Amino acid sequence: MAKTSAKSAKKRKVIVDAVGEAHVTASFNNIIISLTNKKGDVISWSSAGKLGFR
């Protein structure tokens, strides 16, 4: 059997500001929306495929 490790990946801490930008990338197969702060660091992202939209 394969070994499983109990280590979890550390999440990067990003400071959330009151002002930010929304970047939308649309293709024929999917739509990706990324929310960023002023510096351009991604705070959150989601896609239509990830949510099961067809």
Protein backbone atom coordinates (compact mmCIF):
# COMPACT_ATOMS: atom_id res chain seq x y z
CA MET A 1 0.00 0.00 0.00
CA ALA A 2 1.06 3.56 -0.59
CA LYS A 3 2.06 5.65 2.37
CA THR A 4 -0.13 8.60 3.22
CA SER A 5 1.31 11.59 4.96
CA ALA A 6 -0.61 13.60 7.52
CA LYS A 7 1.11 16.84 6.51
CA SER A 8 -1.14 19.58 5.26
CA ALA A 9 -0.02 22.33 2.94
CA LYS A 10 0.35 25.74 4.54
CA LYS A 11 -1.98 28.37 3.17
CA ARG A 12 -0.45 31.67 2.23
CA LYS A 13 -1.75 34.62 4.24
CA VAL A 14 -2.98 37.48 2.03
CA ILE A 15 -4.19 40.75 3.52
CA VAL A 16 -7.68 41.53 2.24
CA ASP A 17 -8.24 45.21 1.45
CA ALA A 18 -11.52 47.02 0.95
CA VAL A 19 -10.50 47.79 -2.65
CA GLY A 20 -9.52 45.16 -5.21
CA GLU A 21 -9.96 43.93 -8.76
CA ALA A 22 -11.89 41.11 -10.40
CA HIS A 23 -10.21 39.39 -13.35
CA VAL A 24 -12.45 37.33 -15.64
CA THR A 25 -10.98 34.86 -18.12
CA ALA A 26 -13.51 33.35 -20.52
CA SER A 27 -12.83 30.57 -22.99
CA PHE A 28 -15.06 28.26 -25.01
CA ASN A 29 -14.94 25.63 -22.27
CA ASN A 30 -14.73 27.52 -18.97
CA ILE A 31 -14.94 30.85 -17.14
CA ILE A 32 -12.40 31.66 -14.41
CA ILE A 33 -12.89 34.57 -12.00
CA SER A 34 -10.01 35.74 -9.77
CA LEU A 35 -10.34 38.35 -7.02
CA THR A 36 -7.10 40.24 -6.33
CA ASN A 37 -5.91 43.00 -4.02
CA LYS A 38 -4.17 46.19 -5.22
CA LYS A 39 -0.78 44.45 -5.44
CA GLY A 40 -2.20 41.74 -7.70
CA ASP A 41 -2.09 38.90 -5.15
CA VAL A 42 -4.97 36.47 -5.69
CA ILE A 43 -7.32 36.44 -2.70
CA SER A 44 -9.84 33.98 -4.10
CA TRP A 45 -10.67 32.29 -7.39
CA SER A 46 -13.35 30.06 -8.81
CA SER A 47 -14.40 28.60 -12.12
CA ALA A 48 -17.63 27.39 -13.65
CA GLY A 49 -16.16 23.91 -14.13
CA LYS A 50 -15.17 23.72 -10.45
CA LEU A 51 -18.77 24.46 -9.43
CA GLY A 52 -20.20 21.84 -11.79
CA PHE A 53 -21.88 24.24 -14.22
CA ARG A 54 -22.49 22.68 -17.64
